[in-house]
Amino acid sequence: MKNITTLLVLILFTAGMAVAQNNDASIDQVGDLHDADIEQLGSSNDAFILQTANEGREGDDVSTATVTQEGDDNYVNLRQRAFFGDNEAKIVQIGVGNRVQGTDEYSAFYQNHGLNILDVYMEGNDNVLYSLRGEAQKNVNTFLLDIMGNENTVGMLQEFGLADIDVEGSYNIIKLDQKSGQFANWSTATVDIFGDDNTVDVFQRNEGNQAVVDIDGSNNSAYITQN
């Protein structure tokens, strides 16, 4: 059975439209074939999506999640767990000081098991996407990230994954940690940066990895470690 949950956070006034602030939106779905959609306009909004497949069930158990936030100081925490299928999440944040991460710097948002896809678009300055714990992306996952802005921070850990990161701006910090999975050793990382004073650090563990970093700009630093 397919479940669809949509949350739209808006306040309308007769004289015009004002956007909402300081709202919390939470979706918790257990089972299979879920859709979750959260849209928040304004500042200081929180969005949390938890999608968990039925344990032990063989089948699709596919979930999709979409979060769109336009404003400043917004927050997203996403947790998707499948056992046999795959999950897909798309996150769009436009503004300043937005975050995609766990409840704190050391906890994780994650996609666990399956052929998962995480597609994130961030536009603005001082934004953070951070999940360096082992749960971040596990078992054959794809991480797609596009950033337009300055002084953004990205930290992502993948277990047997593919990462494609595009950054346009300055003073951004990108850290990507890829390690072998249960069934394969290779990982692939592609990072393209257009701007100045950016830092890229790619760490790939075990065998058969591939990393490509292309930078167009000045005073940028790139580090690739493979072992």
C-alpha atoms as a PDB file:
ATOM      1  CA  MET A   1       0.000   0.000   0.000  1.00  0.00           C
ATOM      2  CA  LYS A   2       1.337   3.416  -0.900  1.00  0.00           C
ATOM      3  CA  ASN A   3       1.230   6.120   1.734  1.00  0.00           C
ATOM      4  CA  ILE A   4       1.523   9.788   0.800  1.00  0.00           C
ATOM      5  CA  THR A   5       2.107  12.474   3.383  1.00  0.00           C
ATOM      6  CA  THR A   6       2.445  16.144   2.505  1.00  0.00           C
ATOM      7  CA  LEU A   7       3.026  19.031   4.888  1.00  0.00           C
ATOM      8  CA  LEU A   8       2.843  22.611   3.624  1.00  0.00           C
ATOM      9  CA  VAL A   9       3.670  25.316   6.130  1.00  0.00           C
ATOM     10  CA  LEU A  10       2.209  28.671   5.071  1.00  0.00           C
ATOM     11  CA  ILE A  11       0.257  31.530   6.606  1.00  0.00           C
ATOM     12  CA  LEU A  12      -1.976  33.627   4.361  1.00  0.00           C
ATOM     13  CA  PHE A  13      -3.255  37.107   5.170  1.00  0.00           C
ATOM     14  CA  THR A  14      -5.897  39.036   3.261  1.00  0.00           C
ATOM     15  CA  ALA A  15      -3.522  41.926   2.652  1.00  0.00           C
ATOM     16  CA  GLY A  16      -0.859  39.658   1.225  1.00  0.00           C
ATOM     17  CA  MET A  17       1.147  36.634   2.129  1.00  0.00           C
ATOM     18  CA  ALA A  18       3.478  36.183   5.083  1.00  0.00           C
ATOM     19  CA  VAL A  19       5.637  33.133   5.530  1.00  0.00           C
ATOM     20  CA  ALA A  20       5.718  31.049   8.665  1.00  0.00           C
ATOM     21  CA  GLN A  21       8.578  30.852  11.123  1.00  0.00           C
ATOM     22  CA  ASN A  22       9.677  28.571  13.946  1.00  0.00           C
ATOM     23  CA  ASN A  23       7.620  25.625  12.723  1.00  0.00           C
ATOM     24  CA  ASP A  24       8.319  21.925  13.279  1.00  0.00           C
ATOM     25  CA  ALA A  25       7.202  19.375  10.674  1.00  0.00           C
ATOM     26  CA  SER A  26       7.639  15.664  11.368  1.00  0.00           C
ATOM     27  CA  ILE A  27       6.680  12.622   9.268  1.00  0.00           C
ATOM     28  CA  ASP A  28       7.135   9.062  10.584  1.00  0.00           C
ATOM     29  CA  GLN A  29       6.260   6.243   8.168  1.00  0.00           C
ATOM     30  CA  VAL A  30       6.633   2.493   8.780  1.00  0.00           C
ATOM     31  CA  GLY A  31       6.063  -0.041   6.019  1.00  0.00           C
ATOM     32  CA  ASP A  32       6.643   0.143   2.295  1.00  0.00           C
ATOM     33  CA  LEU A  33       6.094   2.390  -0.731  1.00  0.00           C
ATOM     34  CA  HIS A  34       5.969   5.687   1.143  1.00  0.00           C
ATOM     35  CA  ASP A  35       5.961   9.252  -0.169  1.00  0.00           C
ATOM     36  CA  ALA A  36       6.723  12.164   2.162  1.00  0.00           C
ATOM     37  CA  ASP A  37       6.740  15.827   1.125  1.00  0.00           C
ATOM     38  CA  ILE A  38       7.494  18.824   3.352  1.00  0.00           C
ATOM     39  CA  GLU A  39       7.547  22.422   2.107  1.00  0.00           C
ATOM     40  CA  GLN A  40       8.434  25.278   4.455  1.00  0.00           C
ATOM     41  CA  LEU A  41       8.710  28.968   3.588  1.00  0.00           C
ATOM     42  CA  GLY A  42      10.253  31.275   6.153  1.00  0.00           C
ATOM     43  CA  SER A  43      12.955  31.078   8.786  1.00  0.00           C
ATOM     44  CA  SER A  44      13.951  28.814  11.679  1.00  0.00           C
ATOM     45  CA  ASN A  45      11.805  25.905  10.525  1.00  0.00           C
ATOM     46  CA  ASP A  46      12.602  22.250  11.320  1.00  0.00           C
ATOM     47  CA  ALA A  47      11.782  19.239   9.119  1.00  0.00           C
ATOM     48  CA  PHE A  48      12.204  15.609  10.174  1.00  0.00           C
ATOM     49  CA  ILE A  49      11.365  12.548   8.064  1.00  0.00           C
ATOM     50  CA  LEU A  50      11.702   8.973   9.315  1.00  0.00           C
ATOM     51  CA  GLN A  51      10.867   6.179   6.866  1.00  0.00           C
ATOM     52  CA  THR A  52      11.404   2.576   7.970  1.00  0.00           C
ATOM     53  CA  ALA A  53      10.589  -0.511   5.912  1.00  0.00           C
ATOM     54  CA  ASN A  54       9.004  -3.605   7.405  1.00  0.00           C
ATOM     55  CA  GLU A  55      11.842  -5.778   8.640  1.00  0.00           C
ATOM     56  CA  GLY A  56      12.118  -9.174   7.020  1.00  0.00           C
ATOM     57  CA  ARG A  57       9.800  -8.382   4.131  1.00  0.00           C
ATOM     58  CA  GLU A  58      11.151  -9.173   0.677  1.00  0.00           C
ATOM     59  CA  GLY A  59       9.952  -6.769  -1.988  1.00  0.00           C
ATOM     60  CA  ASP A  60      10.250  -3.185  -3.096  1.00  0.00           C
ATOM     61  CA  ASP A  61      10.054  -1.354   0.254  1.00  0.00           C
ATOM     62  CA  VAL A  62      10.840   1.859  -1.650  1.00  0.00           C
ATOM     63  CA  SER A  63      10.353   5.244  -0.004  1.00  0.00           C
ATOM     64  CA  THR A  64      10.701   8.750  -1.410  1.00  0.00           C
ATOM     65  CA  ALA A  65      11.113  11.968   0.559  1.00  0.00           C
ATOM     66  CA  THR A  66      11.130  15.581  -0.624  1.00  0.00           C
ATOM     67  CA  VAL A  67      11.954  18.573   1.568  1.00  0.00           C
ATOM     68  CA  THR A  68      11.905  22.152   0.277  1.00  0.00           C
ATOM     69  CA  GLN A  69      12.862  25.045   2.547  1.00  0.00           C
ATOM     70  CA  GLU A  70      13.149  28.654   1.446  1.00  0.00           C
ATOM     71  CA  GLY A  71      14.399  31.042   4.106  1.00  0.00           C
ATOM     72  CA  ASP A  72      17.144  31.262   6.707  1.00  0.00           C
ATOM     73  CA  ASP A  73      18.281  29.062   9.611  1.00  0.00           C
ATOM     74  CA  ASN A  74      16.185  26.064   8.597  1.00  0.00           C
ATOM     75  CA  TYR A  75      16.992  22.471   9.535  1.00  0.00           C
ATOM     76  CA  VAL A  76      16.447  19.007   7.981  1.00  0.00           C
ATOM     77  CA  ASN A  77      17.050  15.598   9.503  1.00  0.00           C
ATOM     78  CA  LEU A  78      16.306  12.628   7.256  1.00  0.00           C
ATOM     79  CA  ARG A  79      16.387   8.932   8.132  1.00  0.00           C
ATOM     80  CA  GLN A  80      15.483   6.281   5.578  1.00  0.00           C
ATOM     81  CA  ARG A  81      15.954   2.576   6.175  1.00  0.00           C
ATOM     82  CA  ALA A  82      15.118  -0.174   3.689  1.00  0.00           C
ATOM     83  CA  PHE A  83      15.950  -3.877   3.758  1.00  0.00           C
ATOM     84  CA  PHE A  84      15.573  -5.034   0.151  1.00  0.00           C
ATOM     85  CA  GLY A  85      14.595  -2.028  -1.930  1.00  0.00           C
ATOM     86  CA  ASP A  86      15.892   1.491  -2.269  1.00  0.00           C
ATOM     87  CA  ASN A  87      15.089   4.988  -1.071  1.00  0.00           C
ATOM     88  CA  GLU A  88      15.286   8.362  -2.744  1.00  0.00           C
ATOM     89  CA  ALA A  89      15.458  11.756  -1.070  1.00  0.00           C
ATOM     90  CA  LYS A  90      15.578  15.251  -2.541  1.00  0.00           C
ATOM     91  CA  ILE A  91      16.369  18.246  -0.348  1.00  0.00           C
ATOM     92  CA  VAL A  92      16.284  21.874  -1.522  1.00  0.00           C
ATOM     93  CA  GLN A  93      17.389  24.705   0.762  1.00  0.00           C
ATOM     94  CA  ILE A  94      17.534  28.321  -0.388  1.00  0.00           C
ATOM     95  CA  GLY A  95      18.749  30.880   2.123  1.00  0.00           C
ATOM     96  CA  VAL A  96      21.409  31.510   4.741  1.00  0.00           C
ATOM     97  CA  GLY A  97      22.466  29.328   7.665  1.00  0.00           C
ATOM     98  CA  ASN A  98      20.494  26.220   6.722  1.00  0.00           C
ATOM     99  CA  ARG A  99      21.454  22.728   7.940  1.00  0.00           C
ATOM    100  CA  VAL A 100      21.063  19.130   6.816  1.00  0.00           C
ATOM    101  CA  GLN A 101      22.460  16.974   9.587  1.00  0.00           C
ATOM    102  CA  GLY A 102      21.692  14.948  12.681  1.00  0.00           C
ATOM    103  CA  THR A 103      20.522  16.339  15.980  1.00  0.00           C
ATOM    104  CA  ASP A 104      24.056  17.554  16.626  1.00  0.00           C
ATOM    105  CA  GLU A 105      27.428  17.606  14.877  1.00  0.00           C
ATOM    106  CA  TYR A 106      28.222  14.021  15.868  1.00  0.00           C
ATOM    107  CA  SER A 107      24.934  12.317  15.024  1.00  0.00           C
ATOM    108  CA  ALA A 108      23.786  11.296  11.569  1.00  0.00           C
ATOM    109  CA  PHE A 109      21.108  11.688   9.035  1.00  0.00           C
ATOM    110  CA  TYR A 110      21.173   8.488   7.050  1.00  0.00           C
ATOM    111  CA  GLN A 111      20.029   6.216   4.255  1.00  0.00           C
ATOM    112  CA  ASN A 112      20.650   2.635   5.281  1.00  0.00           C
ATOM    113  CA  HIS A 113      20.715  -0.349   2.884  1.00  0.00           C
ATOM    114  CA  GLY A 114      19.608  -0.577  -0.712  1.00  0.00           C
ATOM    115  CA  LEU A 115      20.368   1.516  -3.784  1.00  0.00           C
ATOM    116  CA  ASN A 116      19.672   4.863  -2.163  1.00  0.00           C
ATOM    117  CA  ILE A 117      19.902   8.287  -3.798  1.00  0.00           C
ATOM    118  CA  LEU A 118      20.353  11.535  -1.887  1.00  0.00           C
ATOM    119  CA  ASP A 119      20.042  14.650  -4.060  1.00  0.00           C
ATOM    120  CA  VAL A 120      20.698  17.978  -2.305  1.00  0.00           C
ATOM    121  CA  TYR A 121      20.618  21.528  -3.684  1.00  0.00           C
ATOM    122  CA  MET A 122      21.771  24.402  -1.457  1.00  0.00           C
ATOM    123  CA  GLU A 123      21.748  28.030  -2.519  1.00  0.00           C
ATOM    124  CA  GLY A 124      23.060  30.653  -0.132  1.00  0.00           C
ATOM    125  CA  ASN A 125      25.818  31.174   2.410  1.00  0.00           C
ATOM    126  CA  ASP A 126      26.890  29.528   5.681  1.00  0.00           C
ATOM    127  CA  ASN A 127      24.941  26.332   5.047  1.00  0.00           C
ATOM    128  CA  VAL A 128      25.916  22.951   6.520  1.00  0.00           C
ATOM    129  CA  LEU A 129      25.427  19.378   5.304  1.00  0.00           C
ATOM    130  CA  TYR A 130      27.080  17.055   7.780  1.00  0.00           C
ATOM    131  CA  SER A 131      26.921  13.326   8.497  1.00  0.00           C
ATOM    132  CA  LEU A 132      30.241  11.600   9.088  1.00  0.00           C
ATOM    133  CA  ARG A 133      28.976   8.613  11.049  1.00  0.00           C
ATOM    134  CA  GLY A 134      28.792   5.154   9.494  1.00  0.00           C
ATOM    135  CA  GLU A 135      25.030   5.323   9.052  1.00  0.00           C
ATOM    136  CA  ALA A 136      25.168   8.273   6.660  1.00  0.00           C
ATOM    137  CA  GLN A 137      24.907   6.284   3.432  1.00  0.00           C
ATOM    138  CA  LYS A 138      25.346   2.535   3.538  1.00  0.00           C
ATOM    139  CA  ASN A 139      25.488  -0.168   0.838  1.00  0.00           C
ATOM    140  CA  VAL A 140      25.626   1.087  -2.760  1.00  0.00           C
ATOM    141  CA  ASN A 141      24.420   4.664  -2.463  1.00  0.00           C
ATOM    142  CA  THR A 142      24.556   7.777  -4.631  1.00  0.00           C
ATOM    143  CA  PHE A 143      25.151  11.266  -3.215  1.00  0.00           C
ATOM    144  CA  LEU A 144      24.430  14.237  -5.497  1.00  0.00           C
ATOM    145  CA  LEU A 145      25.160  17.735  -4.175  1.00  0.00           C
ATOM    146  CA  ASP A 146      24.959  21.144  -5.840  1.00  0.00           C
ATOM    147  CA  ILE A 147      25.965  24.251  -3.877  1.00  0.00           C
ATOM    148  CA  MET A 148      25.793  27.864  -5.007  1.00  0.00           C
ATOM    149  CA  GLY A 149      27.147  30.206  -2.359  1.00  0.00           C
ATOM    150  CA  ASN A 150      29.976  30.958   0.022  1.00  0.00           C
ATOM    151  CA  GLU A 151      31.321  29.595   3.316  1.00  0.00           C
ATOM    152  CA  ASN A 152      29.338  26.371   3.165  1.00  0.00           C
ATOM    153  CA  THR A 153      30.475  23.207   4.985  1.00  0.00           C
ATOM    154  CA  VAL A 154      29.955  19.641   3.754  1.00  0.00           C
ATOM    155  CA  GLY A 155      30.929  16.407   5.488  1.00  0.00           C
ATOM    156  CA  MET A 156      29.649  13.050   4.188  1.00  0.00           C
ATOM    157  CA  LEU A 157      30.528   9.414   4.825  1.00  0.00           C
ATOM    158  CA  GLN A 158      29.603   6.724   2.308  1.00  0.00           C
ATOM    159  CA  GLU A 159      29.992   2.965   2.484  1.00  0.00           C
ATOM    160  CA  PHE A 160      30.542   1.685  -1.073  1.00  0.00           C
ATOM    161  CA  GLY A 161      29.108   4.726  -2.817  1.00  0.00           C
ATOM    162  CA  LEU A 162      29.184   7.213  -5.649  1.00  0.00           C
ATOM    163  CA  ALA A 163      29.454  10.942  -4.971  1.00  0.00           C
ATOM    164  CA  ASP A 164      29.082  13.830  -7.419  1.00  0.00           C
ATOM    165  CA  ILE A 165      29.603  17.280  -5.886  1.00  0.00           C
ATOM    166  CA  ASP A 166      29.414  20.605  -7.735  1.00  0.00           C
ATOM    167  CA  VAL A 167      30.255  23.852  -5.942  1.00  0.00           C
ATOM    168  CA  GLU A 168      30.106  27.414  -7.229  1.00  0.00           C
ATOM    169  CA  GLY A 169      31.348  29.954  -4.710  1.00  0.00           C
ATOM    170  CA  SER A 170      34.175  30.734  -2.313  1.00  0.00           C
ATOM    171  CA  TYR A 171      35.449  29.658   1.111  1.00  0.00           C
ATOM    172  CA  ASN A 172      33.567  26.366   0.990  1.00  0.00           C
ATOM    173  CA  ILE A 173      34.830  23.266   2.837  1.00  0.00           C
ATOM    174  CA  ILE A 174      34.099  19.799   1.404  1.00  0.00           C
ATOM    175  CA  LYS A 175      35.035  16.591   3.228  1.00  0.00           C
ATOM    176  CA  LEU A 176      34.082  13.245   1.691  1.00  0.00           C
ATOM    177  CA  ASP A 177      34.909   9.936   3.387  1.00  0.00           C
ATOM    178  CA  GLN A 178      34.271   6.754   1.388  1.00  0.00           C
ATOM    179  CA  LYS A 179      34.944   3.246   2.652  1.00  0.00           C
ATOM    180  CA  SER A 180      34.339  -0.271   1.371  1.00  0.00           C
ATOM    181  CA  GLY A 181      30.979  -1.946   1.771  1.00  0.00           C
ATOM    182  CA  GLN A 182      30.025  -5.458   2.708  1.00  0.00           C
ATOM    183  CA  PHE A 183      30.020  -6.756  -0.870  1.00  0.00           C
ATOM    184  CA  ALA A 184      32.430  -4.461  -2.748  1.00  0.00           C
ATOM    185  CA  ASN A 185      35.491  -2.284  -2.227  1.00  0.00           C
ATOM    186  CA  TRP A 186      35.249   0.449  -4.829  1.00  0.00           C
ATOM    187  CA  SER A 187      33.965   3.991  -4.461  1.00  0.00           C
ATOM    188  CA  THR A 188      33.794   6.883  -6.911  1.00  0.00           C
ATOM    189  CA  ALA A 189      34.067  10.603  -6.158  1.00  0.00           C
ATOM    190  CA  THR A 190      33.754  13.502  -8.598  1.00  0.00           C
ATOM    191  CA  VAL A 191      34.136  17.057  -7.287  1.00  0.00           C
ATOM    192  CA  ASP A 192      33.898  20.172  -9.471  1.00  0.00           C
ATOM    193  CA  ILE A 193      34.543  23.603  -7.949  1.00  0.00           C
ATOM    194  CA  PHE A 194      34.319  27.041  -9.508  1.00  0.00           C
ATOM    195  CA  GLY A 195      35.479  29.763  -7.138  1.00  0.00           C
ATOM    196  CA  ASP A 196      38.235  30.837  -4.781  1.00  0.00           C
ATOM    197  CA  ASP A 197      39.686  29.728  -1.433  1.00  0.00           C
ATOM    198  CA  ASN A 198      37.795  26.432  -1.335  1.00  0.00           C
ATOM    199  CA  THR A 199      39.058  23.279   0.401  1.00  0.00           C
ATOM    200  CA  VAL A 200      38.325  19.723  -0.783  1.00  0.00           C
ATOM    201  CA  ASP A 201      39.352  16.613   1.162  1.00  0.00           C
ATOM    202  CA  VAL A 202      38.521  13.174  -0.303  1.00  0.00           C
ATOM    203  CA  PHE A 203      39.451  10.079   1.714  1.00  0.00           C
ATOM    204  CA  GLN A 204      38.896   6.677   0.083  1.00  0.00           C
ATOM    205  CA  ARG A 205      39.644   3.416   1.866  1.00  0.00           C
ATOM    206  CA  ASN A 206      40.607  -0.001   0.441  1.00  0.00           C
ATOM    207  CA  GLU A 207      40.904  -0.932  -3.244  1.00  0.00           C
ATOM    208  CA  GLY A 208      39.492   0.016  -6.631  1.00  0.00           C
ATOM    209  CA  ASN A 209      38.565   3.618  -5.835  1.00  0.00           C
ATOM    210  CA  GLN A 210      38.404   6.544  -8.221  1.00  0.00           C
ATOM    211  CA  ALA A 211      38.540  10.245  -7.371  1.00  0.00           C
ATOM    212  CA  VAL A 212      38.489  13.221  -9.736  1.00  0.00           C
ATOM    213  CA  VAL A 213      38.691  16.819  -8.502  1.00  0.00           C
ATOM    214  CA  ASP A 214      38.448  19.736 -10.958  1.00  0.00           C
ATOM    215  CA  ILE A 215      38.949  23.286  -9.673  1.00  0.00           C
ATOM    216  CA  ASP A 216      38.620  26.571 -11.543  1.00  0.00           C
ATOM    217  CA  GLY A 217      39.660  29.533  -9.421  1.00  0.00           C
ATOM    218  CA  SER A 218      42.369  30.817  -7.110  1.00  0.00           C
ATOM    219  CA  ASN A 219      43.866  29.754  -3.769  1.00  0.00           C
ATOM    220  CA  ASN A 220      41.943  26.482  -3.639  1.00  0.00           C
ATOM    221  CA  SER A 221      43.225  23.373  -1.840  1.00  0.00           C
ATOM    222  CA  ALA A 222      42.506  19.764  -2.824  1.00  0.00           C
ATOM    223  CA  TYR A 223      43.535  16.601  -0.962  1.00  0.00           C
ATOM    224  CA  ILE A 224      42.933  13.021  -2.117  1.00  0.00           C
ATOM    225  CA  THR A 225      43.940  10.136   0.147  1.00  0.00           C
ATOM    226  CA  GLN A 226      43.536   6.526  -1.006  1.00  0.00           C
ATOM    227  CA  ASN A 227      44.613   3.577   1.126  1.00  0.00           C
END
